[in-house]
Every structure is written in structure tokens, then in C-alpha cells.
């Protein structure tokens, strides 16, 4: 079975970010809407991926200042697993 998403922490010089790579890129907009309920998130962008061995697009999540990135990644991962489990049950 193909995993529906993969997430990675990226520490850029300017801001902490989390990248989400979805197996089904057609869900980028729905997942972006789903994640916007987190108050710790400043901005979510859908970007082209230029790195090798990754999906063609990714969601780049920019966190607000002073947010624990490890805790947020765990919360986002948990929320996404719930989203995909709910989606499978609803079908």
C-alpha cells in the first residue's frame, strides 16, 4: 500500500518549515484547507518540488515564531493520518 503522505522538517535560514509530500497531488488544495485550522501555522504554500526523489509538488508550511517545530510536525502528521483514515472510511 502506498503511504498517502510524507513530511519533513526543513530549517531554512529565515524560518522553520515543514514540507508535506502527498502521494496524490490532486489533494494539495484540500489538505491545505484542512491544515489551516492550526493557529501555529503562519502560511501554507503549494510549491513545485525541484529535489530528486520527491513528488512534483509539495505543501510548504511556515510556522509562526517560537513554535516547537517537532511538536507541530507530530500534530500535523496525526491530523493528516486522521484525515486519510476518515477519507477511506467515508468511501
N, C-alpha and C. Protein backbone atom coordinates (compact mmCIF):
# COMPACT_ATOMS: atom_id res chain seq x y z
N UNK A 1 0.84 -1.19 0.00
CA UNK A 1 0.00 0.00 0.00
C UNK A 1 0.88 1.25 0.00
N UNK A 2 0.52 2.20 -0.81
CA UNK A 2 1.26 3.45 -0.91
C UNK A 2 0.88 4.37 0.26
N UNK A 3 1.89 4.91 0.91
CA UNK A 3 1.66 5.84 2.02
C UNK A 3 1.09 7.13 1.44
N UNK A 4 0.02 7.71 2.04
CA UNK A 4 -0.63 8.88 1.45
C UNK A 4 0.18 10.17 1.53
N UNK A 5 1.13 10.25 2.46
CA UNK A 5 1.93 11.47 2.58
C UNK A 5 3.24 11.18 3.30
N UNK A 6 4.15 12.13 3.17
CA UNK A 6 5.41 12.10 3.90
C UNK A 6 5.70 13.53 4.31
N UNK A 7 6.20 13.72 5.51
CA UNK A 7 6.51 15.07 5.98
C UNK A 7 7.96 15.14 6.42
N UNK A 8 8.55 16.34 6.23
CA UNK A 8 9.95 16.57 6.61
C UNK A 8 10.08 17.95 7.23
N UNK A 9 10.92 18.03 8.24
CA UNK A 9 11.27 19.32 8.83
C UNK A 9 12.42 19.91 8.02
N UNK A 10 12.28 21.17 7.69
CA UNK A 10 13.34 21.89 6.98
C UNK A 10 13.67 23.14 7.78
N UNK A 11 14.92 23.31 8.08
CA UNK A 11 15.36 24.50 8.81
C UNK A 11 16.05 25.44 7.83
N UNK A 12 15.29 26.39 7.35
CA UNK A 12 15.87 27.38 6.44
C UNK A 12 16.49 28.49 7.27
N UNK A 13 17.33 29.31 6.67
CA UNK A 13 17.97 30.40 7.43
C UNK A 13 16.97 31.43 7.97
N UNK A 14 15.82 31.54 7.31
CA UNK A 14 14.87 32.58 7.72
C UNK A 14 13.74 32.07 8.60
N UNK A 15 13.21 30.86 8.32
CA UNK A 15 12.05 30.36 9.07
C UNK A 15 12.07 28.84 9.14
N UNK A 16 11.48 28.33 10.21
CA UNK A 16 11.29 26.89 10.32
C UNK A 16 10.14 26.50 9.39
N UNK A 17 10.33 25.42 8.64
CA UNK A 17 9.27 24.96 7.75
C UNK A 17 9.10 23.45 7.85
N UNK A 18 7.91 23.02 7.49
CA UNK A 18 7.60 21.60 7.35
C UNK A 18 7.11 21.42 5.92
N UNK A 19 7.66 20.43 5.24
CA UNK A 19 7.21 20.13 3.88
C UNK A 19 6.39 18.85 3.92
N UNK A 20 5.25 18.88 3.22
CA UNK A 20 4.38 17.72 3.10
C UNK A 20 4.38 17.31 1.63
N UNK A 21 4.73 16.05 1.38
CA UNK A 21 4.71 15.48 0.04
C UNK A 21 3.56 14.49 -0.01
N UNK A 22 2.57 14.74 -0.86
CA UNK A 22 1.40 13.88 -0.97
C UNK A 22 1.56 12.89 -2.11
N UNK A 23 1.09 11.67 -1.92
CA UNK A 23 1.10 10.68 -2.98
C UNK A 23 0.17 11.09 -4.11
N UNK A 24 -0.95 11.73 -3.76
CA UNK A 24 -1.93 12.20 -4.74
C UNK A 24 -1.93 13.72 -4.72
N UNK A 25 -1.21 14.31 -5.67
CA UNK A 25 -1.06 15.76 -5.70
C UNK A 25 -2.37 16.50 -5.96
N UNK A 26 -3.40 15.79 -6.45
CA UNK A 26 -4.69 16.45 -6.67
C UNK A 26 -5.34 16.85 -5.35
N UNK A 27 -4.83 16.34 -4.23
CA UNK A 27 -5.36 16.67 -2.91
C UNK A 27 -4.67 17.86 -2.26
N UNK A 28 -3.69 18.46 -2.93
CA UNK A 28 -2.93 19.57 -2.33
C UNK A 28 -3.85 20.65 -1.76
N UNK A 29 -4.82 21.11 -2.52
CA UNK A 29 -5.72 22.18 -2.07
C UNK A 29 -6.57 21.76 -0.88
N UNK A 30 -7.10 20.53 -0.91
CA UNK A 30 -7.92 20.03 0.20
C UNK A 30 -7.10 19.90 1.48
N UNK A 31 -5.88 19.39 1.36
CA UNK A 31 -5.03 19.23 2.54
C UNK A 31 -4.62 20.61 3.07
N UNK A 32 -4.33 21.55 2.18
CA UNK A 32 -4.01 22.91 2.61
C UNK A 32 -5.17 23.48 3.42
N UNK A 33 -6.39 23.35 2.92
CA UNK A 33 -7.57 23.81 3.66
C UNK A 33 -7.70 23.10 5.00
N UNK A 34 -7.46 21.80 5.01
CA UNK A 34 -7.57 21.01 6.24
C UNK A 34 -6.58 21.49 7.31
N UNK A 35 -5.37 21.86 6.91
CA UNK A 35 -4.34 22.25 7.87
C UNK A 35 -4.46 23.70 8.36
N UNK A 36 -5.25 24.50 7.69
CA UNK A 36 -5.32 25.91 8.06
C UNK A 36 -5.98 26.16 9.41
N UNK A 37 -6.51 25.13 10.06
CA UNK A 37 -7.10 25.31 11.40
C UNK A 37 -6.04 25.42 12.50
N UNK A 38 -4.79 25.07 12.19
CA UNK A 38 -3.73 25.18 13.20
C UNK A 38 -3.34 26.65 13.38
N UNK A 39 -3.48 27.16 14.58
CA UNK A 39 -3.15 28.57 14.83
C UNK A 39 -1.64 28.82 14.83
N UNK A 40 -0.84 27.77 14.98
CA UNK A 40 0.62 27.90 14.99
C UNK A 40 1.21 28.08 13.59
N UNK A 41 0.39 27.83 12.57
CA UNK A 41 0.84 27.95 11.19
C UNK A 41 0.63 29.38 10.72
N UNK A 42 1.69 29.94 10.13
CA UNK A 42 1.60 31.30 9.59
C UNK A 42 1.08 31.26 8.15
N UNK A 43 1.74 30.49 7.29
CA UNK A 43 1.38 30.42 5.87
C UNK A 43 1.56 28.99 5.37
N UNK A 44 0.70 28.58 4.43
CA UNK A 44 0.87 27.30 3.73
C UNK A 44 0.91 27.62 2.24
N UNK A 45 1.96 27.17 1.58
CA UNK A 45 2.10 27.38 0.14
C UNK A 45 2.17 26.04 -0.58
N UNK A 46 1.61 26.00 -1.79
CA UNK A 46 1.79 24.85 -2.67
C UNK A 46 2.91 25.21 -3.63
N UNK A 47 3.99 24.43 -3.61
CA UNK A 47 5.18 24.74 -4.41
C UNK A 47 5.58 23.57 -5.29
N UNK A 48 6.23 23.89 -6.39
CA UNK A 48 6.86 22.87 -7.22
C UNK A 48 8.05 22.31 -6.45
N UNK A 49 8.27 21.02 -6.56
CA UNK A 49 9.42 20.39 -5.93
C UNK A 49 10.54 20.26 -6.95
N UNK A 50 11.72 20.73 -6.59
CA UNK A 50 12.85 20.65 -7.51
C UNK A 50 13.87 19.59 -7.08
N UNK A 51 13.64 18.98 -5.92
CA UNK A 51 14.58 17.98 -5.42
C UNK A 51 14.32 16.63 -6.08
N UNK A 52 15.33 15.80 -6.12
CA UNK A 52 15.17 14.46 -6.67
C UNK A 52 14.41 13.58 -5.69
N UNK A 53 13.79 12.54 -6.23
CA UNK A 53 13.10 11.51 -5.44
C UNK A 53 11.95 12.06 -4.60
N UNK A 54 11.31 13.11 -5.06
CA UNK A 54 10.17 13.66 -4.36
C UNK A 54 9.02 13.85 -5.34
N UNK A 55 7.84 14.06 -4.80
CA UNK A 55 6.67 14.35 -5.62
C UNK A 55 6.91 15.63 -6.41
N UNK A 56 6.10 15.87 -7.45
CA UNK A 56 6.25 17.06 -8.26
C UNK A 56 5.88 18.35 -7.54
N UNK A 57 5.02 18.22 -6.53
CA UNK A 57 4.60 19.38 -5.73
C UNK A 57 4.71 19.04 -4.26
N UNK A 58 4.72 20.08 -3.45
CA UNK A 58 4.69 19.88 -2.00
C UNK A 58 3.96 21.03 -1.35
N UNK A 59 3.50 20.80 -0.15
CA UNK A 59 2.95 21.86 0.69
C UNK A 59 4.08 22.32 1.59
N UNK A 60 4.38 23.60 1.57
CA UNK A 60 5.40 24.15 2.46
C UNK A 60 4.67 24.92 3.55
N UNK A 61 4.89 24.50 4.77
CA UNK A 61 4.21 25.09 5.93
C UNK A 61 5.21 25.95 6.70
N UNK A 62 4.90 27.23 6.78
CA UNK A 62 5.73 28.17 7.54
C UNK A 62 5.08 28.38 8.90
N UNK A 63 5.86 28.16 9.96
CA UNK A 63 5.34 28.28 11.32
C UNK A 63 5.55 29.69 11.87
N UNK A 64 4.72 30.05 12.80
CA UNK A 64 4.90 31.32 13.50
C UNK A 64 6.14 31.24 14.38
N UNK A 65 6.64 32.39 14.79
CA UNK A 65 7.83 32.44 15.66
C UNK A 65 7.56 31.73 16.98
N UNK A 66 8.60 31.14 17.53
CA UNK A 66 8.58 30.50 18.86
C UNK A 66 7.66 29.28 18.94
N UNK A 67 7.39 28.62 17.82
CA UNK A 67 6.60 27.40 17.80
C UNK A 67 7.56 26.21 17.80
N UNK A 68 7.27 25.20 18.61
CA UNK A 68 8.08 23.99 18.67
C UNK A 68 7.83 23.17 17.40
N UNK A 69 8.80 23.14 16.50
CA UNK A 69 8.61 22.51 15.20
C UNK A 69 8.40 21.00 15.32
N UNK A 70 9.06 20.36 16.27
CA UNK A 70 8.88 18.92 16.44
C UNK A 70 7.46 18.59 16.90
N UNK A 71 6.95 19.37 17.82
CA UNK A 71 5.57 19.16 18.29
C UNK A 71 4.57 19.42 17.17
N UNK A 72 4.83 20.46 16.37
CA UNK A 72 3.93 20.78 15.26
C UNK A 72 3.96 19.70 14.19
N UNK A 73 5.13 19.16 13.89
CA UNK A 73 5.20 18.09 12.90
C UNK A 73 4.40 16.89 13.38
N UNK A 74 4.52 16.55 14.66
CA UNK A 74 3.75 15.43 15.21
C UNK A 74 2.25 15.71 15.13
N UNK A 75 1.84 16.94 15.44
CA UNK A 75 0.42 17.30 15.38
C UNK A 75 -0.11 17.26 13.95
N UNK A 76 0.67 17.78 13.02
CA UNK A 76 0.27 17.78 11.62
C UNK A 76 0.19 16.35 11.09
N UNK A 77 1.20 15.53 11.40
CA UNK A 77 1.18 14.13 10.97
C UNK A 77 -0.05 13.42 11.51
N UNK A 78 -0.35 13.61 12.78
CA UNK A 78 -1.52 12.99 13.40
C UNK A 78 -2.81 13.44 12.71
N UNK A 79 -2.91 14.72 12.44
CA UNK A 79 -4.09 15.26 11.78
C UNK A 79 -4.24 14.70 10.37
N UNK A 80 -3.13 14.56 9.66
CA UNK A 80 -3.19 14.01 8.31
C UNK A 80 -3.55 12.52 8.32
N UNK A 81 -3.02 11.75 9.27
CA UNK A 81 -3.40 10.34 9.36
C UNK A 81 -4.90 10.23 9.63
N UNK A 82 -5.43 11.08 10.53
CA UNK A 82 -6.86 11.09 10.80
C UNK A 82 -7.63 11.42 9.52
N UNK A 83 -7.18 12.43 8.77
CA UNK A 83 -7.83 12.84 7.53
C UNK A 83 -7.91 11.68 6.55
N UNK A 84 -6.79 11.00 6.33
CA UNK A 84 -6.78 9.92 5.35
C UNK A 84 -7.53 8.69 5.84
N UNK A 85 -7.51 8.39 7.13
CA UNK A 85 -8.30 7.28 7.66
C UNK A 85 -9.79 7.57 7.52
N UNK A 86 -10.20 8.80 7.82
CA UNK A 86 -11.59 9.21 7.70
C UNK A 86 -12.03 9.12 6.24
N UNK A 87 -11.17 9.57 5.33
CA UNK A 87 -11.48 9.55 3.90
C UNK A 87 -11.69 8.13 3.41
N UNK A 88 -10.88 7.18 3.87
CA UNK A 88 -11.03 5.78 3.47
C UNK A 88 -12.32 5.21 4.04
N UNK A 89 -12.66 5.54 5.27
CA UNK A 89 -13.89 5.04 5.90
C UNK A 89 -15.12 5.61 5.19
N UNK A 90 -15.05 6.87 4.76
CA UNK A 90 -16.19 7.52 4.11
C UNK A 90 -16.49 6.96 2.72
N UNK A 91 -15.51 6.30 2.10
CA UNK A 91 -15.73 5.80 0.73
C UNK A 91 -16.61 4.60 0.69
